Amino acid sequence: MLNLTILYETNSQLAGLAALMVGIVLAWKDKSLFQVSFACCFVVLTMEYII
């Protein structure tokens, strides 16, 4: 079963969804775990600041 906790751990589900999409794309492109996690955190921070 797929665990989508990232959608509910952020203040906005939209920010969590955006981070999930960025994480999937970067992981698919064989980026390191550090790069993926940094990018996801940056996306959530940016999205929550905008929203």
N, C-alpha and C. Protein backbone atom coordinates (compact mmCIF):
# COMPACT_ATOMS: atom_id res chain seq x y z
N MET A 1 0.84 -1.18 0.00
CA MET A 1 0.00 0.00 0.00
C MET A 1 0.88 1.24 0.00
N LEU A 2 0.51 2.21 -0.81
CA LEU A 2 1.28 3.44 -0.95
C LEU A 2 0.97 4.39 0.20
N ASN A 3 2.02 4.87 0.85
CA ASN A 3 1.86 5.77 1.98
C ASN A 3 2.13 7.20 1.52
N LEU A 4 1.12 8.03 1.50
CA LEU A 4 1.25 9.41 1.04
C LEU A 4 1.21 10.39 2.20
N THR A 5 2.01 10.11 3.21
CA THR A 5 2.05 10.94 4.41
C THR A 5 2.52 12.35 4.09
N ILE A 6 3.32 12.51 3.04
CA ILE A 6 3.83 13.83 2.69
C ILE A 6 2.69 14.82 2.41
N LEU A 7 1.55 14.32 1.97
CA LEU A 7 0.43 15.20 1.68
C LEU A 7 -0.20 15.78 2.95
N TYR A 8 -0.07 15.06 4.05
CA TYR A 8 -0.74 15.47 5.27
C TYR A 8 0.20 16.07 6.31
N GLU A 9 1.49 16.00 6.09
CA GLU A 9 2.46 16.54 7.05
C GLU A 9 2.76 18.01 6.80
N THR A 10 2.33 18.54 5.69
CA THR A 10 2.53 19.96 5.39
C THR A 10 1.27 20.74 5.74
N ASN A 11 1.39 22.05 5.80
CA ASN A 11 0.22 22.87 6.11
C ASN A 11 -0.78 22.89 4.96
N SER A 12 -0.30 22.65 3.76
CA SER A 12 -1.15 22.65 2.58
C SER A 12 -0.91 21.35 1.81
N GLN A 13 -1.98 20.69 1.42
CA GLN A 13 -1.82 19.46 0.65
C GLN A 13 -1.23 19.75 -0.73
N LEU A 14 -1.47 20.95 -1.23
CA LEU A 14 -0.91 21.34 -2.52
C LEU A 14 0.62 21.40 -2.46
N ALA A 15 1.16 21.91 -1.36
CA ALA A 15 2.61 21.96 -1.18
C ALA A 15 3.18 20.55 -1.07
N GLY A 16 2.49 19.67 -0.38
CA GLY A 16 2.93 18.29 -0.26
C GLY A 16 2.90 17.57 -1.59
N LEU A 17 1.87 17.83 -2.38
CA LEU A 17 1.77 17.21 -3.70
C LEU A 17 2.87 17.71 -4.63
N ALA A 18 3.17 19.00 -4.58
CA ALA A 18 4.24 19.55 -5.41
C ALA A 18 5.58 18.94 -5.02
N ALA A 19 5.84 18.80 -3.73
CA ALA A 19 7.08 18.20 -3.27
C ALA A 19 7.17 16.73 -3.69
N LEU A 20 6.05 16.03 -3.63
CA LEU A 20 6.02 14.63 -4.05
C LEU A 20 6.37 14.50 -5.53
N MET A 21 5.80 15.37 -6.35
CA MET A 21 6.07 15.32 -7.79
C MET A 21 7.54 15.64 -8.08
N VAL A 22 8.08 16.65 -7.41
CA VAL A 22 9.49 17.00 -7.60
C VAL A 22 10.38 15.85 -7.16
N GLY A 23 10.05 15.24 -6.04
CA GLY A 23 10.83 14.12 -5.54
C GLY A 23 10.82 12.93 -6.48
N ILE A 24 9.67 12.64 -7.05
CA ILE A 24 9.57 11.51 -7.99
C ILE A 24 10.42 11.78 -9.23
N VAL A 25 10.31 12.99 -9.77
CA VAL A 25 11.06 13.33 -10.98
C VAL A 25 12.57 13.28 -10.73
N LEU A 26 13.02 13.86 -9.62
CA LEU A 26 14.45 13.88 -9.34
C LEU A 26 14.98 12.47 -9.04
N ALA A 27 14.20 11.67 -8.33
CA ALA A 27 14.63 10.29 -8.05
C ALA A 27 14.69 9.48 -9.33
N TRP A 28 13.76 9.74 -10.24
CA TRP A 28 13.74 9.04 -11.53
C TRP A 28 14.97 9.40 -12.34
N LYS A 29 15.47 10.62 -12.18
CA LYS A 29 16.66 11.07 -12.91
C LYS A 29 17.95 10.71 -12.18
N ASP A 30 17.85 9.80 -11.20
CA ASP A 30 19.01 9.27 -10.47
C ASP A 30 19.79 10.33 -9.70
N LYS A 31 19.09 11.30 -9.13
CA LYS A 31 19.75 12.27 -8.26
C LYS A 31 19.97 11.63 -6.89
N SER A 32 20.90 12.18 -6.13
CA SER A 32 21.20 11.61 -4.81
C SER A 32 20.05 11.88 -3.84
N LEU A 33 20.03 11.13 -2.76
CA LEU A 33 19.00 11.30 -1.75
C LEU A 33 19.06 12.70 -1.16
N PHE A 34 20.26 13.22 -0.97
CA PHE A 34 20.41 14.58 -0.44
C PHE A 34 19.79 15.60 -1.38
N GLN A 35 20.05 15.48 -2.67
CA GLN A 35 19.49 16.42 -3.64
C GLN A 35 17.97 16.34 -3.68
N VAL A 36 17.43 15.13 -3.63
CA VAL A 36 15.98 14.96 -3.67
C VAL A 36 15.34 15.55 -2.43
N SER A 37 15.89 15.25 -1.26
CA SER A 37 15.30 15.75 -0.02
C SER A 37 15.43 17.27 0.09
N PHE A 38 16.56 17.81 -0.33
CA PHE A 38 16.74 19.26 -0.30
C PHE A 38 15.73 19.94 -1.23
N ALA A 39 15.56 19.41 -2.42
CA ALA A 39 14.63 20.00 -3.38
C ALA A 39 13.19 19.92 -2.86
N CYS A 40 12.82 18.80 -2.25
CA CYS A 40 11.46 18.65 -1.71
C CYS A 40 11.22 19.64 -0.57
N CYS A 41 12.19 19.78 0.30
CA CYS A 41 12.05 20.74 1.41
C CYS A 41 11.94 22.16 0.88
N PHE A 42 12.73 22.48 -0.14
CA PHE A 42 12.69 23.81 -0.74
C PHE A 42 11.33 24.08 -1.39
N VAL A 43 10.78 23.07 -2.06
CA VAL A 43 9.48 23.23 -2.69
C VAL A 43 8.40 23.46 -1.65
N VAL A 44 8.41 22.69 -0.57
CA VAL A 44 7.40 22.86 0.48
C VAL A 44 7.53 24.25 1.11
N LEU A 45 8.76 24.66 1.42
CA LEU A 45 8.97 25.97 2.02
C LEU A 45 8.47 27.07 1.11
N THR A 46 8.80 27.00 -0.16
CA THR A 46 8.38 28.01 -1.13
C THR A 46 6.86 28.02 -1.32
N MET A 47 6.27 26.84 -1.46
CA MET A 47 4.83 26.76 -1.69
C MET A 47 4.05 27.27 -0.48
N GLU A 48 4.49 26.94 0.72
CA GLU A 48 3.78 27.40 1.91
C GLU A 48 3.96 28.90 2.12
N TYR A 49 5.05 29.45 1.65
CA TYR A 49 5.24 30.90 1.73
C TYR A 49 4.31 31.61 0.76
N ILE A 50 4.13 31.03 -0.42
CA ILE A 50 3.26 31.62 -1.44
C ILE A 50 1.80 31.48 -1.06
N ILE A 51 1.44 30.30 -0.58
CA ILE A 51 0.03 30.03 -0.24
C ILE A 51 -0.24 30.63 1.07
